[in-house]
Amino acid sequence: MDKFIAVIDYGLGNLRSVSKALESVGAKVKVADKAKDILSAEAIVLPGVGAFRKGMENLGKSEIIPALLESIKNNKPFLGICLGLQLLFTESEEHGICKGLDIIKGNVKKFSANVKIPHMGWNDIRKQKTENREQKTDILKDIPDNSYFYFDHSYYVEPEDKDTVIATTEYGKEFVSAINKDNVWGVQFHPEKSSDLGLKILKNFIELTRTK
């Protein structure tokens, strides 16, 4: 079988726009809701729009969580988008405490009442220096600092390990807008809705996938 990127279907992702965006930058895409497709993919994209608890419930019902965890453990490149980023974390306070995939230690928290919720529209990201910047910013390669991307969310992630943070954004406070831990990347914004620079991030992900 030809190599492909699995875009996870768990009932909450904007699958068509993410798939089309990946295909437009050279990926072969398979929308996947079965463990065997996830395990045979060369990389995984977990999109998502909606509530954290519903996302975890849907992933649980589809019985694909073990395949996701095994793939990540086996060093398969993984990209979480918006809710797909948040689900990587230990737990969320959305509608009461709810456990996440616990791939990234940390919490998902709601923006304070002093800003308009949801945070929707274009905002810039600020690249963060790390001890190993080149490795940790693969998906941000050739993305200028302070570039604008499209956001739509009411909650933000707060990782315990600050070295996983590769970009932040200001909205009432500085929050984390992109992370990386080993073979796992996540972005709070929607690259598939973010014009040429968003497509560049997806292309970077495809390129790093092919170097693994």
Protein backbone atom coordinates (compact mmCIF):
# COMPACT_ATOMS: atom_id res chain seq x y z
CA MET A 1 0.00 0.00 0.00
CA ASP A 2 1.20 3.50 -0.81
CA LYS A 3 2.20 5.68 2.12
CA PHE A 4 -0.51 7.98 3.40
CA ILE A 5 -1.34 10.39 6.20
CA ALA A 6 -4.27 9.34 8.37
CA VAL A 7 -6.70 12.14 9.21
CA ILE A 8 -8.64 10.88 12.21
CA ASP A 9 -12.42 10.82 11.94
CA TYR A 10 -14.03 10.87 15.39
CA GLY A 11 -17.07 12.93 14.55
CA LEU A 12 -15.75 16.37 15.49
CA GLY A 13 -13.10 17.27 12.95
CA ASN A 14 -13.40 19.51 9.92
CA LEU A 15 -12.17 16.56 7.89
CA ARG A 16 -12.78 17.83 4.39
CA SER A 17 -10.92 21.13 4.74
CA VAL A 18 -7.97 19.53 6.54
CA SER A 19 -7.75 16.69 4.02
CA LYS A 20 -7.97 19.03 1.04
CA ALA A 21 -5.31 21.31 2.50
CA LEU A 22 -2.93 18.37 3.03
CA GLU A 23 -3.58 17.06 -0.47
CA SER A 24 -2.90 20.50 -1.93
CA VAL A 25 0.66 20.39 -0.56
CA GLY A 26 1.43 16.91 -1.78
CA ALA A 27 0.09 14.42 0.76
CA LYS A 28 -1.87 11.28 0.08
CA VAL A 29 -4.64 11.34 2.69
CA LYS A 30 -6.90 8.66 4.11
CA VAL A 31 -9.72 9.62 6.48
CA ALA A 32 -9.39 6.98 9.20
CA ASP A 33 -11.75 5.72 11.89
CA LYS A 34 -10.25 2.25 12.31
CA ALA A 35 -7.17 1.16 14.23
CA LYS A 36 -5.67 -0.75 11.28
CA ASP A 37 -5.60 2.39 9.12
CA ILE A 38 -3.94 4.41 11.88
CA LEU A 39 -1.32 1.74 12.46
CA SER A 40 -0.48 1.49 8.76
CA ALA A 41 -0.25 5.26 8.15
CA GLU A 42 3.11 7.00 7.88
CA ALA A 43 1.81 9.94 9.95
CA ILE A 44 -1.32 11.03 11.81
CA VAL A 45 -3.30 14.27 11.89
CA LEU A 46 -5.92 14.74 14.62
CA PRO A 47 -8.14 17.72 13.72
CA GLY A 48 -11.00 18.88 15.87
CA VAL A 49 -13.74 21.41 16.47
CA GLY A 50 -15.92 21.27 19.57
CA ALA A 51 -15.84 20.27 23.22
CA PHE A 52 -13.01 18.37 24.93
CA ARG A 53 -15.27 15.90 26.76
CA LYS A 54 -17.19 15.02 23.59
CA GLY A 55 -13.90 14.56 21.77
CA MET A 56 -12.61 12.07 24.36
CA GLU A 57 -15.96 10.26 24.43
CA ASN A 58 -15.97 9.90 20.64
CA LEU A 59 -12.37 8.69 20.55
CA GLY A 60 -13.24 6.14 23.22
CA LYS A 61 -16.31 4.89 21.39
CA SER A 62 -14.34 4.43 18.18
CA GLU A 63 -11.77 2.31 20.03
CA ILE A 64 -8.85 3.99 18.27
CA ILE A 65 -7.10 5.47 21.31
CA PRO A 66 -4.79 2.42 21.73
CA ALA A 67 -3.74 2.73 18.07
CA LEU A 68 -3.01 6.44 18.50
CA LEU A 69 -0.92 5.83 21.62
CA GLU A 70 0.96 2.93 20.03
CA SER A 71 1.73 5.00 16.91
CA ILE A 72 3.09 7.88 18.96
CA LYS A 73 5.14 5.50 21.12
CA ASN A 74 6.62 4.06 17.91
CA ASN A 75 7.82 7.51 16.84
CA LYS A 76 5.20 8.09 14.13
CA PRO A 77 4.83 11.83 13.36
CA PHE A 78 1.63 13.25 14.84
CA LEU A 79 -0.03 16.65 14.40
CA GLY A 80 -2.93 17.85 16.55
CA ILE A 81 -4.98 20.81 15.31
CA CYS A 82 -7.12 22.99 17.65
CA LEU A 83 -9.15 20.50 19.72
CA GLY A 84 -6.73 17.86 18.43
CA LEU A 85 -3.95 19.73 20.26
CA GLN A 86 -5.96 20.03 23.48
CA LEU A 87 -6.82 16.31 23.57
CA LEU A 88 -3.10 15.52 23.82
CA PHE A 89 -3.03 16.97 27.34
CA THR A 90 -3.57 15.38 30.74
CA GLU A 91 -6.93 16.96 31.48
CA SER A 92 -9.29 19.81 30.67
CA GLU A 93 -11.49 21.96 32.89
CA GLU A 94 -14.10 22.32 30.11
CA HIS A 95 -17.54 21.41 31.54
CA GLY A 96 -15.89 19.88 34.59
CA ILE A 97 -12.58 18.06 34.81
CA CYS A 98 -12.13 15.56 32.00
CA LYS A 99 -9.11 13.32 31.40
CA GLY A 100 -7.29 13.60 28.09
CA LEU A 101 -4.79 11.40 26.25
CA ASP A 102 -2.00 12.48 28.66
CA ILE A 103 0.65 12.51 25.93
CA ILE A 104 1.67 16.02 26.97
CA LYS A 105 1.63 16.66 30.72
CA GLY A 106 -0.47 19.72 31.48
CA ASN A 107 -3.95 21.19 31.52
CA VAL A 108 -6.49 22.85 29.24
CA LYS A 109 -7.93 26.04 30.72
CA LYS A 110 -10.59 28.58 29.80
CA PHE A 111 -9.79 32.17 28.91
CA SER A 112 -10.75 34.67 31.58
CA ALA A 113 -13.96 36.67 31.40
CA ASN A 114 -12.09 39.89 30.55
CA VAL A 115 -11.71 38.89 26.90
CA LYS A 116 -14.29 38.02 24.27
CA ILE A 117 -14.85 34.28 24.08
CA PRO A 118 -14.30 32.48 21.80
CA HIS A 119 -11.00 33.85 20.59
CA MET A 120 -11.92 33.94 16.93
CA GLY A 121 -10.10 35.41 13.96
CA TRP A 122 -6.56 36.22 12.89
CA ASN A 123 -3.77 36.61 15.43
CA ASP A 124 0.00 36.39 15.33
CA ILE A 125 2.31 33.75 16.76
CA ARG A 126 5.66 34.39 18.41
CA LYS A 127 8.31 31.74 18.03
CA GLN A 128 9.89 30.64 21.29
CA LYS A 129 13.54 29.79 21.78
CA THR A 130 14.31 26.35 23.16
CA GLU A 131 17.45 24.44 23.98
CA ASN A 132 17.09 22.65 20.65
CA ARG A 133 15.29 25.23 18.54
CA GLU A 134 16.05 23.76 15.11
CA GLN A 135 14.61 20.34 15.95
CA LYS A 136 11.66 21.66 17.90
CA THR A 137 10.44 24.08 15.24
CA ASP A 138 10.35 21.81 12.20
CA ILE A 139 6.74 22.70 11.42
CA LEU A 140 7.59 26.40 11.79
CA LYS A 141 10.46 26.24 9.30
CA ASP A 142 10.48 29.36 7.09
CA ILE A 143 7.50 30.82 8.96
CA PRO A 144 8.38 34.43 9.84
CA ASP A 145 8.04 35.44 13.47
CA ASN A 146 4.78 37.29 14.22
CA SER A 147 3.00 35.66 11.29
CA TYR A 148 -0.81 35.61 11.46
CA PHE A 149 -2.99 32.48 11.64
CA TYR A 150 -6.70 31.81 12.09
CA PHE A 151 -7.93 30.90 15.59
CA ASP A 152 -11.31 29.74 16.91
CA HIS A 153 -11.25 28.49 20.52
CA SER A 154 -12.36 29.25 24.09
CA TYR A 155 -9.72 27.18 25.90
CA TYR A 156 -5.93 27.10 25.79
CA VAL A 157 -3.25 24.58 26.77
CA GLU A 158 -0.81 24.98 29.63
CA PRO A 159 2.02 22.39 29.44
CA GLU A 160 4.07 21.53 32.53
CA ASP A 161 7.27 21.37 30.49
CA LYS A 162 7.81 24.85 29.05
CA ASP A 163 10.45 23.47 26.69
CA THR A 164 7.61 21.90 24.65
CA VAL A 165 6.38 25.40 23.72
CA ILE A 166 7.46 26.49 20.24
CA ALA A 167 5.07 29.44 19.78
CA THR A 168 2.84 31.70 21.84
CA THR A 169 0.09 34.21 21.08
CA GLU A 170 -1.31 37.18 22.99
CA TYR A 171 -5.03 37.32 23.79
CA GLY A 172 -5.68 38.94 27.14
CA LYS A 173 -2.63 36.97 28.25
CA GLU A 174 0.19 35.10 26.56
CA PHE A 175 -0.98 31.56 25.76
CA VAL A 176 0.62 28.60 24.03
CA SER A 177 -0.24 28.36 20.33
CA ALA A 178 2.15 25.59 19.19
CA ILE A 179 3.94 22.74 20.93
CA ASN A 180 6.40 19.96 20.14
CA LYS A 181 7.48 16.93 22.12
CA ASP A 182 9.61 14.42 20.24
CA ASN A 183 7.48 13.23 17.27
CA VAL A 184 4.34 15.06 18.42
CA TRP A 185 3.37 18.53 17.23
CA GLY A 186 0.26 20.54 17.98
CA VAL A 187 -1.14 23.93 16.93
CA GLN A 188 -4.03 25.82 18.51
CA PHE A 189 -4.80 27.68 15.28
CA HIS A 190 -6.22 26.22 12.07
CA PRO A 191 -3.49 25.94 9.41
CA GLU A 192 -6.07 24.71 6.88
CA LYS A 193 -7.85 28.08 7.24
CA SER A 194 -4.71 30.21 7.38
CA SER A 195 -3.89 30.85 3.73
CA ASP A 196 -0.38 30.27 2.36
CA LEU A 197 1.44 30.24 5.68
CA GLY A 198 -0.96 27.66 7.07
CA LEU A 199 -0.32 25.46 4.03
CA LYS A 200 3.41 25.94 4.58
CA ILE A 201 3.07 24.49 8.09
CA LEU A 202 1.24 21.46 6.69
CA LYS A 203 3.93 21.07 4.02
CA ASN A 204 6.61 21.23 6.71
CA PHE A 205 4.82 18.45 8.59
CA ILE A 206 4.73 16.30 5.45
CA GLU A 207 8.43 16.91 4.83
CA LEU A 208 9.49 15.97 8.36
CA THR A 209 7.28 12.89 8.06
CA ARG A 210 9.27 11.76 5.05
CA THR A 211 12.59 12.21 6.83
CA LYS A 212 11.63 9.89 9.70
